[in-house]
Amino acid sequence: MITKYLSIEGWFNLFDAYLNLVKKVPGEGSIVEIGSFKGRSTRFLCDALVTEEKTKVKVHCIDTFEGTPGEHDNLKLGSMYDEFKNNLHDHIEAERVIPHVNRSDNQQLIDSFEDNSLDGLVIDGAHDEVSVHNDTKNWYPKLKDDGLLIWDDCERPEVKKGALTALGEEVSKGVYYITGDERWFGLIKGPNGKEMGKKLKLFPGVKL
């Protein structure tokens, strides 16, 4: 059973989102997760990949591991990166998890990933409108056609606006909003995005 993530401090409720990602990613695929905190969501994702025997998938985790000013001011973060490494030690040793201690808007980091190279992209870093807009605009070109893009916390107006304005009106027509307790946006890049409802669990969910 996938339960180790429960012992890791943090927030994670994107079960359907991550399981859809596990289902879609090919056996030697590549995923970028922007915003990993202490590794709760990453642990769930990687354990699910191993359960599905997709042990060669690479999960690139991008985080400053310093917390986000204004969001984490009241938390005792300690040495977050050390905790992340401890929580994911087996996946790191297996070279399944590749940590990037960096800002997601660092151009050198962005350029280190080729366009159309990612099978999955999760945007869950800073939640202000500008940060979400920039993460979406900077990283969307890195996603392959038919790749899955997920945003967390999309019930927040600033997250919704940042995500959709970065994509442009036409692309935004392919975004779905998963409601209920999970509350995430999902987009399959490219023409196959029109088949979103057949490819993702959308109940409860609505097309924007």
N, C-alpha and C. Protein backbone atom coordinates (compact mmCIF):
# COMPACT_ATOMS: atom_id res chain seq x y z
N MET A 1 0.84 -1.20 0.00
CA MET A 1 0.00 0.00 0.00
C MET A 1 0.88 1.26 0.00
N ILE A 2 0.32 2.32 -0.58
CA ILE A 2 1.05 3.58 -0.66
C ILE A 2 0.69 4.41 0.57
N THR A 3 1.48 4.29 1.62
CA THR A 3 1.14 4.97 2.87
C THR A 3 2.30 5.77 3.47
N LYS A 4 3.50 5.63 2.96
CA LYS A 4 4.65 6.29 3.57
C LYS A 4 4.52 7.80 3.56
N TYR A 5 3.83 8.33 2.56
CA TYR A 5 3.69 9.79 2.46
C TYR A 5 2.96 10.37 3.67
N LEU A 6 2.16 9.55 4.34
CA LEU A 6 1.36 10.03 5.47
C LEU A 6 2.22 10.50 6.64
N SER A 7 3.43 9.99 6.73
CA SER A 7 4.31 10.35 7.85
C SER A 7 5.13 11.61 7.57
N ILE A 8 4.97 12.21 6.39
CA ILE A 8 5.77 13.37 6.00
C ILE A 8 4.95 14.64 6.19
N GLU A 9 5.53 15.62 6.85
CA GLU A 9 4.85 16.89 7.08
C GLU A 9 4.60 17.61 5.75
N GLY A 10 3.43 18.20 5.65
CA GLY A 10 3.12 18.95 4.43
C GLY A 10 1.67 18.81 4.07
N TRP A 11 1.35 19.15 2.82
CA TRP A 11 -0.03 19.16 2.33
C TRP A 11 -0.08 18.35 1.04
N PHE A 12 -1.08 17.49 0.94
CA PHE A 12 -1.24 16.74 -0.31
C PHE A 12 -2.65 16.17 -0.35
N ASN A 13 -3.39 16.55 -1.38
CA ASN A 13 -4.71 15.95 -1.58
C ASN A 13 -5.00 15.69 -3.05
N LEU A 14 -3.96 15.70 -3.88
CA LEU A 14 -4.15 15.54 -5.33
C LEU A 14 -4.04 14.07 -5.75
N PHE A 15 -4.77 13.22 -5.08
CA PHE A 15 -4.63 11.79 -5.34
C PHE A 15 -5.00 11.43 -6.78
N ASP A 16 -6.16 11.89 -7.25
CA ASP A 16 -6.55 11.59 -8.62
C ASP A 16 -5.60 12.23 -9.63
N ALA A 17 -5.16 13.45 -9.34
CA ALA A 17 -4.25 14.13 -10.25
C ALA A 17 -2.96 13.32 -10.42
N TYR A 18 -2.37 12.91 -9.33
CA TYR A 18 -1.10 12.19 -9.40
C TYR A 18 -1.28 10.78 -9.96
N LEU A 19 -2.40 10.14 -9.66
CA LEU A 19 -2.64 8.80 -10.21
C LEU A 19 -2.90 8.87 -11.71
N ASN A 20 -3.55 9.95 -12.18
CA ASN A 20 -3.67 10.15 -13.62
C ASN A 20 -2.31 10.36 -14.26
N LEU A 21 -1.44 11.07 -13.57
CA LEU A 21 -0.09 11.29 -14.07
C LEU A 21 0.67 9.97 -14.14
N VAL A 22 0.56 9.16 -13.12
CA VAL A 22 1.20 7.84 -13.12
C VAL A 22 0.68 7.00 -14.28
N LYS A 23 -0.60 7.07 -14.52
CA LYS A 23 -1.20 6.29 -15.59
C LYS A 23 -0.71 6.74 -16.96
N LYS A 24 -0.54 8.05 -17.15
CA LYS A 24 -0.20 8.58 -18.47
C LYS A 24 1.28 8.52 -18.80
N VAL A 25 2.15 8.66 -17.81
CA VAL A 25 3.58 8.77 -18.10
C VAL A 25 4.12 7.44 -18.63
N PRO A 26 4.92 7.47 -19.69
CA PRO A 26 5.52 6.24 -20.20
C PRO A 26 6.58 5.68 -19.25
N GLY A 27 6.98 4.46 -19.48
CA GLY A 27 7.87 3.75 -18.56
C GLY A 27 9.22 4.40 -18.33
N GLU A 28 9.69 5.19 -19.28
CA GLU A 28 10.96 5.90 -19.11
C GLU A 28 10.73 7.40 -19.28
N GLY A 29 9.61 7.87 -18.75
CA GLY A 29 9.23 9.25 -18.92
C GLY A 29 9.90 10.19 -17.95
N SER A 30 9.50 11.46 -18.03
CA SER A 30 10.11 12.51 -17.21
C SER A 30 9.04 13.46 -16.71
N ILE A 31 9.11 13.78 -15.41
CA ILE A 31 8.13 14.65 -14.76
C ILE A 31 8.89 15.76 -14.02
N VAL A 32 8.34 16.96 -14.06
CA VAL A 32 8.85 18.05 -13.22
C VAL A 32 7.77 18.41 -12.21
N GLU A 33 8.16 18.46 -10.93
CA GLU A 33 7.28 18.90 -9.87
C GLU A 33 7.85 20.20 -9.29
N ILE A 34 7.15 21.31 -9.52
CA ILE A 34 7.57 22.60 -8.99
C ILE A 34 6.89 22.80 -7.64
N GLY A 35 7.66 22.79 -6.59
CA GLY A 35 7.12 22.90 -5.24
C GLY A 35 6.97 21.53 -4.61
N SER A 36 7.97 21.12 -3.84
CA SER A 36 7.97 19.78 -3.24
C SER A 36 7.95 19.81 -1.72
N PHE A 37 8.26 20.95 -1.13
CA PHE A 37 8.29 21.11 0.33
C PHE A 37 9.16 20.01 0.93
N LYS A 38 8.62 19.20 1.84
CA LYS A 38 9.42 18.15 2.47
C LYS A 38 9.23 16.77 1.83
N GLY A 39 8.51 16.75 0.70
CA GLY A 39 8.45 15.53 -0.08
C GLY A 39 7.21 14.68 0.08
N ARG A 40 6.17 15.20 0.70
CA ARG A 40 4.96 14.40 0.90
C ARG A 40 4.34 13.98 -0.43
N SER A 41 4.13 14.95 -1.32
CA SER A 41 3.53 14.64 -2.62
C SER A 41 4.48 13.80 -3.48
N THR A 42 5.77 14.11 -3.40
CA THR A 42 6.76 13.37 -4.19
C THR A 42 6.81 11.91 -3.77
N ARG A 43 6.70 11.68 -2.47
CA ARG A 43 6.70 10.32 -1.93
C ARG A 43 5.51 9.52 -2.49
N PHE A 44 4.34 10.14 -2.47
CA PHE A 44 3.15 9.49 -3.01
C PHE A 44 3.36 9.16 -4.49
N LEU A 45 3.83 10.14 -5.25
CA LEU A 45 4.02 9.96 -6.69
C LEU A 45 5.00 8.83 -6.98
N CYS A 46 6.15 8.85 -6.33
CA CYS A 46 7.18 7.86 -6.64
C CYS A 46 6.79 6.46 -6.18
N ASP A 47 6.13 6.36 -5.02
CA ASP A 47 5.67 5.05 -4.58
C ASP A 47 4.62 4.49 -5.53
N ALA A 48 3.77 5.38 -6.06
CA ALA A 48 2.77 4.94 -7.03
C ALA A 48 3.42 4.49 -8.34
N LEU A 49 4.46 5.19 -8.76
CA LEU A 49 5.19 4.79 -9.97
C LEU A 49 5.81 3.40 -9.80
N VAL A 50 6.41 3.16 -8.64
CA VAL A 50 7.02 1.86 -8.37
C VAL A 50 5.94 0.77 -8.34
N THR A 51 4.81 1.07 -7.74
CA THR A 51 3.71 0.11 -7.69
C THR A 51 3.25 -0.28 -9.09
N GLU A 52 3.29 0.69 -10.01
CA GLU A 52 2.90 0.43 -11.39
C GLU A 52 4.08 -0.08 -12.24
N GLU A 53 5.19 -0.38 -11.58
CA GLU A 53 6.40 -0.91 -12.24
C GLU A 53 6.97 0.08 -13.26
N LYS A 54 6.80 1.37 -12.99
CA LYS A 54 7.39 2.40 -13.83
C LYS A 54 8.60 2.98 -13.09
N THR A 55 9.57 2.11 -12.85
CA THR A 55 10.69 2.46 -11.98
C THR A 55 11.74 3.32 -12.67
N LYS A 56 11.65 3.49 -13.97
CA LYS A 56 12.65 4.28 -14.69
C LYS A 56 12.20 5.71 -14.96
N VAL A 57 11.02 6.06 -14.51
CA VAL A 57 10.56 7.44 -14.66
C VAL A 57 11.40 8.36 -13.78
N LYS A 58 11.79 9.51 -14.32
CA LYS A 58 12.57 10.50 -13.57
C LYS A 58 11.64 11.61 -13.08
N VAL A 59 11.73 11.92 -11.79
CA VAL A 59 10.92 12.99 -11.20
C VAL A 59 11.87 14.09 -10.75
N HIS A 60 11.85 15.22 -11.44
CA HIS A 60 12.69 16.37 -11.12
C HIS A 60 11.92 17.27 -10.17
N CYS A 61 12.46 17.46 -8.97
CA CYS A 61 11.81 18.27 -7.95
C CYS A 61 12.51 19.62 -7.83
N ILE A 62 11.77 20.69 -8.09
CA ILE A 62 12.34 22.03 -8.09
C ILE A 62 11.78 22.82 -6.91
N ASP A 63 12.67 23.24 -6.01
CA ASP A 63 12.25 23.97 -4.83
C ASP A 63 13.46 24.67 -4.25
N THR A 64 13.25 25.82 -3.64
CA THR A 64 14.35 26.47 -2.91
C THR A 64 14.58 25.78 -1.58
N PHE A 65 13.58 25.03 -1.12
CA PHE A 65 13.61 24.36 0.19
C PHE A 65 13.85 25.36 1.32
N GLU A 66 13.33 26.56 1.11
CA GLU A 66 13.40 27.61 2.13
C GLU A 66 12.01 28.12 2.52
N GLY A 67 10.98 27.55 1.90
CA GLY A 67 9.63 28.03 2.14
C GLY A 67 9.33 29.28 1.32
N THR A 68 8.05 29.65 1.27
CA THR A 68 7.61 30.82 0.52
C THR A 68 7.25 31.94 1.49
N PRO A 69 7.91 33.09 1.40
CA PRO A 69 7.57 34.22 2.28
C PRO A 69 6.09 34.55 2.19
N GLY A 70 5.48 34.73 3.35
CA GLY A 70 4.05 35.03 3.39
C GLY A 70 3.18 33.81 3.53
N GLU A 71 3.65 32.66 3.03
CA GLU A 71 2.88 31.42 3.14
C GLU A 71 3.37 30.55 4.29
N HIS A 72 4.67 30.56 4.51
CA HIS A 72 5.26 29.63 5.49
C HIS A 72 5.94 30.35 6.64
N ASP A 73 5.59 31.62 6.84
CA ASP A 73 6.27 32.42 7.86
C ASP A 73 6.10 31.86 9.26
N ASN A 74 4.98 31.22 9.52
CA ASN A 74 4.69 30.75 10.88
C ASN A 74 5.11 29.30 11.12
N LEU A 75 5.76 28.70 10.14
CA LEU A 75 6.18 27.30 10.27
C LEU A 75 7.64 27.20 10.71
N LYS A 76 7.93 26.19 11.47
CA LYS A 76 9.31 25.88 11.83
C LYS A 76 9.86 24.93 10.78
N LEU A 77 10.52 25.51 9.79
CA LEU A 77 10.93 24.72 8.63
C LEU A 77 12.17 23.88 8.88
N GLY A 78 13.08 24.35 9.76
CA GLY A 78 14.30 23.60 10.01
C GLY A 78 15.11 23.47 8.73
N SER A 79 15.81 22.38 8.60
CA SER A 79 16.59 22.11 7.39
C SER A 79 15.71 21.32 6.43
N MET A 80 14.90 22.05 5.67
CA MET A 80 13.91 21.40 4.83
C MET A 80 14.53 20.47 3.80
N TYR A 81 15.63 20.90 3.21
CA TYR A 81 16.25 20.06 2.18
C TYR A 81 16.77 18.75 2.77
N ASP A 82 17.34 18.81 3.96
CA ASP A 82 17.80 17.58 4.60
C ASP A 82 16.62 16.66 4.88
N GLU A 83 15.51 17.23 5.32
CA GLU A 83 14.32 16.41 5.57
C GLU A 83 13.79 15.82 4.27
N PHE A 84 13.79 16.62 3.21
CA PHE A 84 13.35 16.11 1.91
C PHE A 84 14.21 14.92 1.49
N LYS A 85 15.52 15.07 1.60
CA LYS A 85 16.41 13.98 1.20
C LYS A 85 16.20 12.74 2.06
N ASN A 86 15.97 12.93 3.33
CA ASN A 86 15.72 11.80 4.22
C ASN A 86 14.40 11.11 3.86
N ASN A 87 13.39 11.89 3.55
CA ASN A 87 12.08 11.33 3.23
C ASN A 87 12.05 10.61 1.89
N LEU A 88 12.96 10.98 0.99
CA LEU A 88 12.98 10.40 -0.35
C LEU A 88 14.27 9.63 -0.62
N HIS A 89 14.99 9.24 0.42
CA HIS A 89 16.34 8.71 0.25
C HIS A 89 16.40 7.53 -0.71
N ASP A 90 15.44 6.63 -0.64
CA ASP A 90 15.48 5.45 -1.50
C ASP A 90 15.25 5.81 -2.97
N HIS A 91 14.34 6.74 -3.22
CA HIS A 91 14.09 7.16 -4.60
C HIS A 91 15.23 8.00 -5.15
N ILE A 92 15.88 8.76 -4.28
CA ILE A 92 17.05 9.53 -4.71
C ILE A 92 18.20 8.59 -5.04
N GLU A 93 18.43 7.60 -4.19
CA GLU A 93 19.50 6.64 -4.43
C GLU A 93 19.26 5.85 -5.72
N ALA A 94 17.99 5.61 -6.03
CA ALA A 94 17.66 4.89 -7.26
C ALA A 94 17.67 5.81 -8.48
N GLU A 95 18.00 7.10 -8.26
CA GLU A 95 18.05 8.12 -9.31
C GLU A 95 16.68 8.29 -9.97
N ARG A 96 15.66 8.02 -9.19
CA ARG A 96 14.28 8.25 -9.64
C ARG A 96 13.88 9.69 -9.34
N VAL A 97 14.35 10.22 -8.22
CA VAL A 97 14.11 11.61 -7.84
C VAL A 97 15.39 12.40 -8.02
N ILE A 98 15.29 13.51 -8.74
CA ILE A 98 16.44 14.40 -8.95
C ILE A 98 16.09 15.76 -8.37
N PRO A 99 16.61 16.11 -7.19
CA PRO A 99 16.30 17.40 -6.58
C PRO A 99 17.06 18.54 -7.28
N HIS A 100 16.40 19.65 -7.44
CA HIS A 100 17.02 20.87 -7.96
C HIS A 100 16.78 21.96 -6.92
N VAL A 101 17.81 22.29 -6.16
CA VAL A 101 17.68 23.32 -5.13
C VAL A 101 17.82 24.67 -5.83
N ASN A 102 16.68 25.21 -6.25
CA ASN A 102 16.74 26.38 -7.12
C ASN A 102 15.36 27.02 -7.20
N ARG A 103 15.31 28.21 -7.72
CA ARG A 103 14.05 28.86 -8.04
C ARG A 103 13.54 28.34 -9.38
N SER A 104 12.24 28.18 -9.49
CA SER A 104 11.69 27.65 -10.73
C SER A 104 11.79 28.63 -11.89
N ASP A 105 12.06 29.92 -11.60
CA ASP A 105 12.20 30.90 -12.67
C ASP A 105 13.66 31.16 -13.04
N ASN A 106 14.57 30.34 -12.53
CA ASN A 106 15.98 30.47 -12.89
C ASN A 106 16.15 30.06 -14.35
N GLN A 107 16.59 30.98 -15.17
CA GLN A 107 16.63 30.73 -16.60
C GLN A 107 17.60 29.61 -16.97
N GLN A 108 18.71 29.52 -16.24
CA GLN A 108 19.66 28.45 -16.53
C GLN A 108 19.03 27.09 -16.28
N LEU A 109 18.25 26.99 -15.22
CA LEU A 109 17.55 25.73 -14.92
C LEU A 109 16.51 25.43 -15.99
N ILE A 110 15.73 26.44 -16.35
CA ILE A 110 14.71 26.24 -17.38
C ILE A 110 15.35 25.77 -18.68
N ASP A 111 16.45 26.40 -19.06
CA ASP A 111 17.12 26.06 -20.32
C ASP A 111 17.75 24.68 -20.30
N SER A 112 17.95 24.12 -19.10
CA SER A 112 18.55 22.78 -19.01
C SER A 112 17.58 21.68 -19.41
N PHE A 113 16.30 22.04 -19.54
CA PHE A 113 15.28 21.10 -20.02
C PHE A 113 14.91 21.48 -21.44
N GLU A 114 14.92 20.54 -22.34
CA GLU A 114 14.57 20.81 -23.73
C GLU A 114 13.07 21.01 -23.87
N ASP A 115 12.69 21.81 -24.87
CA ASP A 115 11.27 21.94 -25.17
C ASP A 115 10.72 20.58 -25.59
N ASN A 116 9.46 20.33 -25.28
CA ASN A 116 8.78 19.09 -25.65
C ASN A 116 9.48 17.85 -25.09
N SER A 117 9.98 17.96 -23.86
CA SER A 117 10.72 16.84 -23.28
C SER A 117 10.03 16.20 -22.08
N LEU A 118 9.01 16.87 -21.52
CA LEU A 118 8.40 16.38 -20.29
C LEU A 118 7.07 15.68 -20.57
N ASP A 119 6.84 14.60 -19.85
CA ASP A 119 5.56 13.89 -19.96
C ASP A 119 4.56 14.40 -18.94
N GLY A 120 5.06 15.03 -17.88
CA GLY A 120 4.18 15.55 -16.85
C GLY A 120 4.79 16.78 -16.19
N LEU A 121 3.94 17.70 -15.77
CA LEU A 121 4.38 18.93 -15.13
C LEU A 121 3.38 19.28 -14.03
N VAL A 122 3.89 19.47 -12.82
CA VAL A 122 3.06 19.87 -11.68
C VAL A 122 3.52 21.24 -11.22
N ILE A 123 2.60 22.20 -11.17
CA ILE A 123 2.93 23.56 -10.73
C ILE A 123 2.27 23.79 -9.37
N ASP A 124 3.11 23.81 -8.34
CA ASP A 124 2.62 23.96 -6.97
C ASP A 124 3.66 24.70 -6.14
N GLY A 125 4.25 25.74 -6.74
CA GLY A 125 5.25 26.53 -6.04
C GLY A 125 4.59 27.67 -5.30
N ALA A 126 5.14 28.87 -5.40
CA ALA A 126 4.51 30.05 -4.80
C ALA A 126 3.15 30.27 -5.45
N HIS A 127 2.18 30.73 -4.66
CA HIS A 127 0.80 30.76 -5.12
C HIS A 127 0.30 32.16 -5.49
N ASP A 128 1.18 33.15 -5.54
CA ASP A 128 0.75 34.46 -6.00
C ASP A 128 0.58 34.45 -7.52
N GLU A 129 -0.19 35.38 -8.03
CA GLU A 129 -0.53 35.39 -9.45
C GLU A 129 0.70 35.45 -10.36
N VAL A 130 1.66 36.30 -10.01
CA VAL A 130 2.85 36.46 -10.86
C VAL A 130 3.66 35.17 -10.92
N SER A 131 3.85 34.52 -9.78
CA SER A 131 4.64 33.29 -9.76
C SER A 131 3.96 32.18 -10.54
N VAL A 132 2.66 32.03 -10.38
CA VAL A 132 1.93 30.99 -11.12
C VAL A 132 1.98 31.29 -12.61
N HIS A 133 1.79 32.55 -12.97
CA HIS A 133 1.85 32.95 -14.38
C HIS A 133 3.22 32.63 -14.96
N ASN A 134 4.28 32.99 -14.26
CA ASN A 134 5.63 32.77 -14.79
C ASN A 134 5.96 31.29 -14.86
N ASP A 135 5.60 30.52 -13.83
CA ASP A 135 5.88 29.08 -13.88
C ASP A 135 5.16 28.43 -15.05
N THR A 136 3.92 28.84 -15.27
CA THR A 136 3.15 28.27 -16.38
C THR A 136 3.75 28.66 -17.73
N LYS A 137 4.04 29.94 -17.88
CA LYS A 137 4.58 30.43 -19.15
C LYS A 137 5.96 29.85 -19.44
N ASN A 138 6.81 29.74 -18.41
CA ASN A 138 8.17 29.26 -18.61
C ASN A 138 8.24 27.76 -18.87
N TRP A 139 7.38 26.99 -18.23
CA TRP A 139 7.51 25.54 -18.27
C TRP A 139 6.58 24.83 -19.24
N TYR A 140 5.51 25.50 -19.65
CA TYR A 140 4.57 24.88 -20.59
C TYR A 140 5.26 24.42 -21.88
N PRO A 141 6.19 25.20 -22.46
CA PRO A 141 6.86 24.74 -23.69
C PRO A 141 7.68 23.46 -23.48
N LYS A 142 8.04 23.15 -22.24
CA LYS A 142 8.84 21.96 -21.97
C LYS A 142 7.99 20.69 -22.03
N LEU A 143 6.68 20.84 -22.00
CA LEU A 143 5.77 19.70 -21.98
C LEU A 143 5.56 19.15 -23.39
N LYS A 144 5.60 17.85 -23.52
CA LYS A 144 5.32 17.20 -24.80
C LYS A 144 3.86 17.36 -25.18
N ASP A 145 3.56 17.25 -26.47
CA ASP A 145 2.18 17.10 -26.87
C ASP A 145 1.63 15.83 -26.22
N ASP A 146 0.44 15.92 -25.69
CA ASP A 146 -0.22 14.85 -24.95
C ASP A 146 0.32 14.72 -23.54
N GLY A 147 1.25 15.60 -23.12
CA GLY A 147 1.72 15.61 -21.74
C GLY A 147 0.68 16.23 -20.83
N LEU A 148 0.73 15.87 -19.56
CA LEU A 148 -0.27 16.32 -18.59
C LEU A 148 0.29 17.42 -17.71
N LEU A 149 -0.43 18.53 -17.63
CA LEU A 149 -0.08 19.66 -16.78
C LEU A 149 -1.11 19.76 -15.65
N ILE A 150 -0.61 19.87 -14.42
CA ILE A 150 -1.47 19.94 -13.24
C ILE A 150 -1.10 21.18 -12.43
N TRP A 151 -2.11 21.92 -12.00
CA TRP A 151 -1.91 23.03 -11.05
C TRP A 151 -2.66 22.70 -9.77
N ASP A 152 -2.04 22.95 -8.63
CA ASP A 152 -2.72 22.77 -7.36
C ASP A 152 -3.33 24.11 -6.89
N ASP A 153 -4.22 24.00 -5.92
CA ASP A 153 -4.79 25.18 -5.24
C ASP A 153 -5.49 26.14 -6.18
N CYS A 154 -6.14 25.60 -7.21
CA CYS A 154 -6.73 26.47 -8.22
C CYS A 154 -8.04 27.10 -7.76
N GLU A 155 -8.48 26.77 -6.53
CA GLU A 155 -9.64 27.50 -5.99
C GLU A 155 -9.27 28.93 -5.60
N ARG A 156 -7.96 29.19 -5.51
CA ARG A 156 -7.51 30.55 -5.20
C ARG A 156 -7.58 31.41 -6.46
N PRO A 157 -8.23 32.56 -6.41
CA PRO A 157 -8.38 33.39 -7.61
C PRO A 157 -7.05 33.77 -8.25
N GLU A 158 -6.04 34.03 -7.42
CA GLU A 158 -4.75 34.44 -7.98
C GLU A 158 -4.07 33.30 -8.73
N VAL A 159 -4.27 32.06 -8.27
CA VAL A 159 -3.71 30.90 -8.97
C VAL A 159 -4.42 30.71 -10.30
N LYS A 160 -5.74 30.75 -10.27
CA LYS A 160 -6.53 30.59 -11.50
C LYS A 160 -6.15 31.64 -12.54
N LYS A 161 -6.09 32.89 -12.11
CA LYS A 161 -5.78 33.97 -13.06
C LYS A 161 -4.38 33.83 -13.60
N GLY A 162 -3.41 33.53 -12.74
CA GLY A 162 -2.03 33.38 -13.18
C GLY A 162 -1.87 32.27 -14.20
N ALA A 163 -2.54 31.15 -13.96
CA ALA A 163 -2.43 30.00 -14.85
C ALA A 163 -3.06 30.28 -16.21
N LEU A 164 -4.28 30.78 -16.19
CA LEU A 164 -5.02 30.93 -17.44
C LEU A 164 -4.50 32.06 -18.31
N THR A 165 -4.07 33.17 -17.70
CA THR A 165 -3.55 34.27 -18.51
C THR A 165 -2.22 33.90 -19.16
N ALA A 166 -1.46 33.02 -18.52
CA ALA A 166 -0.18 32.59 -19.10
C ALA A 166 -0.39 31.73 -20.33
N LEU A 167 -1.48 30.98 -20.36
CA LEU A 167 -1.73 30.06 -21.46
C LEU A 167 -2.34 30.74 -22.68
N GLY A 168 -3.07 31.81 -22.45
CA GLY A 168 -3.79 32.44 -23.54
C GLY A 168 -5.19 31.85 -23.66
N GLU A 169 -6.08 32.62 -24.27
CA GLU A 169 -7.50 32.25 -24.30
C GLU A 169 -7.74 30.92 -24.99
N GLU A 170 -7.10 30.67 -26.12
CA GLU A 170 -7.38 29.46 -26.90
C GLU A 170 -6.94 28.21 -26.15
N VAL A 171 -5.72 28.23 -25.62
CA VAL A 171 -5.21 27.07 -24.90
C VAL A 171 -6.03 26.83 -23.62
N SER A 172 -6.45 27.92 -22.98
CA SER A 172 -7.20 27.81 -21.72
C SER A 172 -8.52 27.07 -21.90
N LYS A 173 -9.02 26.98 -23.14
CA LYS A 173 -10.26 26.26 -23.39
C LYS A 173 -10.12 24.76 -23.11
N GLY A 174 -8.87 24.29 -23.07
CA GLY A 174 -8.65 22.88 -22.81
C GLY A 174 -8.44 22.54 -21.34
N VAL A 175 -8.56 23.54 -20.47
CA VAL A 175 -8.33 23.32 -19.04
C VAL A 175 -9.60 22.83 -18.36
N TYR A 176 -9.45 21.84 -17.51
CA TYR A 176 -10.55 21.35 -16.69
C TYR A 176 -10.27 21.65 -15.23
N TYR A 177 -11.33 21.92 -14.50
CA TYR A 177 -11.24 22.20 -13.08
C TYR A 177 -11.87 21.03 -12.33
N ILE A 178 -11.06 20.32 -11.55
CA ILE A 178 -11.56 19.23 -10.75
C ILE A 178 -12.00 19.82 -9.41
N THR A 179 -13.26 19.64 -9.08
CA THR A 179 -13.85 20.27 -7.91
C THR A 179 -13.79 19.31 -6.72
N GLY A 180 -14.66 19.49 -5.76
CA GLY A 180 -14.65 18.62 -4.58
C GLY A 180 -13.48 18.94 -3.67
N ASP A 181 -12.95 17.93 -3.00
CA ASP A 181 -11.88 18.14 -2.04
C ASP A 181 -10.52 18.36 -2.69
N GLU A 182 -10.34 17.91 -3.94
CA GLU A 182 -9.01 17.98 -4.55
C GLU A 182 -8.72 19.36 -5.14
N ARG A 183 -9.61 19.88 -5.96
CA ARG A 183 -9.51 21.23 -6.50
C ARG A 183 -8.20 21.46 -7.26
N TRP A 184 -8.12 20.89 -8.46
CA TRP A 184 -6.94 21.13 -9.29
C TRP A 184 -7.37 21.40 -10.72
N PHE A 185 -6.49 22.05 -11.44
CA PHE A 185 -6.66 22.24 -12.87
C PHE A 185 -5.90 21.13 -13.58
N GLY A 186 -6.45 20.66 -14.69
CA GLY A 186 -5.75 19.70 -15.53
C GLY A 186 -5.81 20.11 -16.98
N LEU A 187 -4.72 19.93 -17.69
CA LEU A 187 -4.65 20.24 -19.11
C LEU A 187 -3.78 19.21 -19.80
N ILE A 188 -4.29 18.62 -20.87
CA ILE A 188 -3.45 17.78 -21.73
C ILE A 188 -3.04 18.63 -22.92
N LYS A 189 -1.74 18.77 -23.11
CA LYS A 189 -1.22 19.68 -24.12
C LYS A 189 -1.52 19.19 -25.53
N GLY A 190 -1.79 20.13 -26.41
CA GLY A 190 -1.92 19.82 -27.82
C GLY A 190 -3.33 19.46 -28.23
N PRO A 191 -3.49 19.00 -29.47
CA PRO A 191 -4.83 18.71 -30.00
C PRO A 191 -5.56 17.63 -29.22
N ASN A 192 -4.82 16.73 -28.57
CA ASN A 192 -5.47 15.68 -27.81
C ASN A 192 -6.12 16.21 -26.55
N GLY A 193 -5.83 17.46 -26.21
CA GLY A 193 -6.48 18.06 -25.05
C GLY A 193 -7.99 18.10 -25.19
N LYS A 194 -8.48 18.06 -26.43
CA LYS A 194 -9.92 18.05 -26.65
C LYS A 194 -10.56 16.77 -26.14
N GLU A 195 -9.73 15.74 -25.95
CA GLU A 195 -10.22 14.46 -25.47
C GLU A 195 -10.03 14.33 -23.96
N MET A 196 -9.82 15.46 -23.30
CA MET A 196 -9.51 15.46 -21.87
C MET A 196 -10.50 14.65 -21.06
N GLY A 197 -11.77 14.83 -21.31
CA GLY A 197 -12.78 14.16 -20.52
C GLY A 197 -12.71 12.66 -20.60
N LYS A 198 -12.13 12.13 -21.66
CA LYS A 198 -12.00 10.69 -21.81
C LYS A 198 -10.71 10.18 -21.16
N LYS A 199 -9.78 11.09 -20.87
CA LYS A 199 -8.46 10.67 -20.42
C LYS A 199 -8.23 10.89 -18.93
N LEU A 200 -9.00 11.77 -18.32
CA LEU A 200 -8.81 12.06 -16.91
C LEU A 200 -10.08 11.80 -16.14
N LYS A 201 -9.92 11.52 -14.86
CA LYS A 201 -11.08 11.39 -14.00
C LYS A 201 -11.63 12.79 -13.74
N LEU A 202 -12.82 13.05 -14.21
CA LEU A 202 -13.35 14.41 -14.16
C LEU A 202 -14.61 14.51 -13.31
N PHE A 203 -14.81 13.57 -12.43
CA PHE A 203 -16.02 13.61 -11.60
C PHE A 203 -15.63 13.64 -10.14
N PRO A 204 -15.91 14.70 -9.39
CA PRO A 204 -16.59 15.89 -9.93
C PRO A 204 -15.61 16.81 -10.64
N GLY A 205 -16.01 17.36 -11.76
CA GLY A 205 -15.15 18.26 -12.51
C GLY A 205 -15.93 18.99 -13.57
N VAL A 206 -15.41 20.12 -13.99
CA VAL A 206 -16.09 20.92 -15.00
C VAL A 206 -15.07 21.48 -15.97
N LYS A 207 -15.50 21.70 -17.21
CA LYS A 207 -14.66 22.35 -18.19
C LYS A 207 -14.77 23.85 -18.01
N LEU A 208 -13.65 24.54 -18.02
CA LEU A 208 -13.68 26.01 -17.84
C LEU A 208 -14.28 26.69 -19.08
